[in-house]
Protein backbone atom coordinates (compact mmCIF):
# COMPACT_ATOMS: atom_id res chain seq x y z
CA MET A 1 0.00 0.00 0.00
CA GLY A 2 1.14 3.50 -0.68
CA VAL A 3 -0.02 6.88 -1.76
CA HIS A 4 -1.56 7.02 -5.23
CA ASN A 5 -1.45 10.21 -7.24
CA ARG A 6 -2.49 11.93 -10.44
CA ILE A 7 0.48 14.27 -10.69
CA SER A 8 1.36 13.22 -14.24
CA VAL A 9 -2.25 13.77 -15.40
CA PHE A 10 -2.32 17.28 -13.94
CA ARG A 11 1.16 18.07 -15.30
CA ALA A 12 0.17 16.96 -18.80
CA GLU A 13 -3.04 18.98 -18.65
CA ARG A 14 -1.11 22.12 -17.66
CA GLY A 15 1.82 21.47 -19.99
CA LEU A 16 4.31 21.48 -17.10
CA SER A 17 7.56 19.53 -17.19
CA ARG A 18 8.79 17.67 -14.12
CA LYS A 19 11.50 20.31 -13.81
CA GLU A 20 8.99 23.18 -13.86
CA LEU A 21 6.80 21.54 -11.22
CA ALA A 22 9.86 20.72 -9.10
CA GLU A 23 11.01 24.35 -9.20
CA ALA A 24 7.52 25.56 -8.27
CA VAL A 25 7.45 23.39 -5.13
CA GLY A 26 11.16 23.52 -4.21
CA VAL A 27 12.25 19.93 -4.86
CA ASN A 28 14.56 18.09 -7.26
CA PRO A 29 12.94 17.04 -10.58
CA GLN A 30 13.83 13.42 -9.73
CA THR A 31 11.57 13.70 -6.68
CA ILE A 32 8.62 14.44 -8.97
CA GLY A 33 9.49 11.31 -10.97
CA TYR A 34 9.64 9.22 -7.80
CA LEU A 35 6.26 10.59 -6.71
CA GLU A 36 4.63 9.91 -10.08
CA ARG A 37 5.85 6.30 -10.10
CA GLY A 38 4.71 5.75 -6.52
CA ASP A 39 8.28 5.14 -5.32
CA TYR A 40 8.00 7.94 -2.77
CA ALA A 41 5.15 9.28 -0.63
CA PRO A 42 5.14 13.05 -0.26
CA SER A 43 5.17 14.87 3.03
CA VAL A 44 1.93 16.66 3.87
CA GLU A 45 3.70 19.95 3.11
CA LEU A 46 4.84 18.78 -0.35
CA ALA A 47 1.41 17.33 -1.19
CA LEU A 48 -0.22 20.65 -0.27
CA LYS A 49 2.32 22.63 -2.31
CA ILE A 50 1.73 20.46 -5.38
CA ALA A 51 -2.05 20.81 -4.99
CA GLN A 52 -1.64 24.58 -4.68
CA VAL A 53 0.36 24.75 -7.93
CA PHE A 54 -2.52 23.05 -9.74
CA GLY A 55 -5.22 24.98 -7.87
CA ALA A 56 -6.88 21.70 -6.91
CA PRO A 57 -7.91 20.08 -3.64
CA VAL A 58 -5.21 17.73 -2.39
CA GLU A 59 -7.74 14.85 -2.56
CA MET A 60 -7.92 15.25 -6.35
CA LEU A 61 -4.18 14.61 -6.60
CA PHE A 62 -3.47 12.11 -3.83
CA SER A 63 -5.33 9.11 -2.41
CA LEU A 64 -4.66 6.09 -0.22
CA LYS A 65 -6.71 3.98 -2.67
CA PRO A 66 -6.07 3.69 -6.42
CA PHE A 67 -7.98 6.22 -8.48
CA ALA A 68 -10.63 4.92 -10.88
CA SER A 69 -9.45 5.12 -14.45
CA LEU A 70 -10.63 8.17 -16.37
CA ALA A 71 -12.60 5.88 -18.70
CA GLN A 72 -14.48 4.41 -15.69
CA THR A 73 -15.11 7.89 -14.31
CA ILE A 74 -16.49 9.14 -17.62
CA SER A 75 -18.70 6.09 -18.21
CA SER A 76 -20.15 6.16 -14.69
CA LYS A 77 -21.09 9.84 -15.12
CA GLY A 78 -22.88 9.00 -18.36
CA GLU A 79 -25.11 6.49 -16.55
CA SER A 80 -26.64 9.07 -14.20
């Protein structure tokens, strides 16, 4: 078990490189890579900083459970 995240999805949507995100939150670009792969769990401070960069609630970026795939999310919304 670990911390799951959507950092790469948010980065791609904003057109940010790992280096740009790392500079914005004050870490090494390799740290962003470790986070995205799930090799490293962020501190609460780092998680909040990353969420702030994207202007999103921290729960949209990080979870203790795996996120549903975007395809599942889209199809379940269509059923309502």
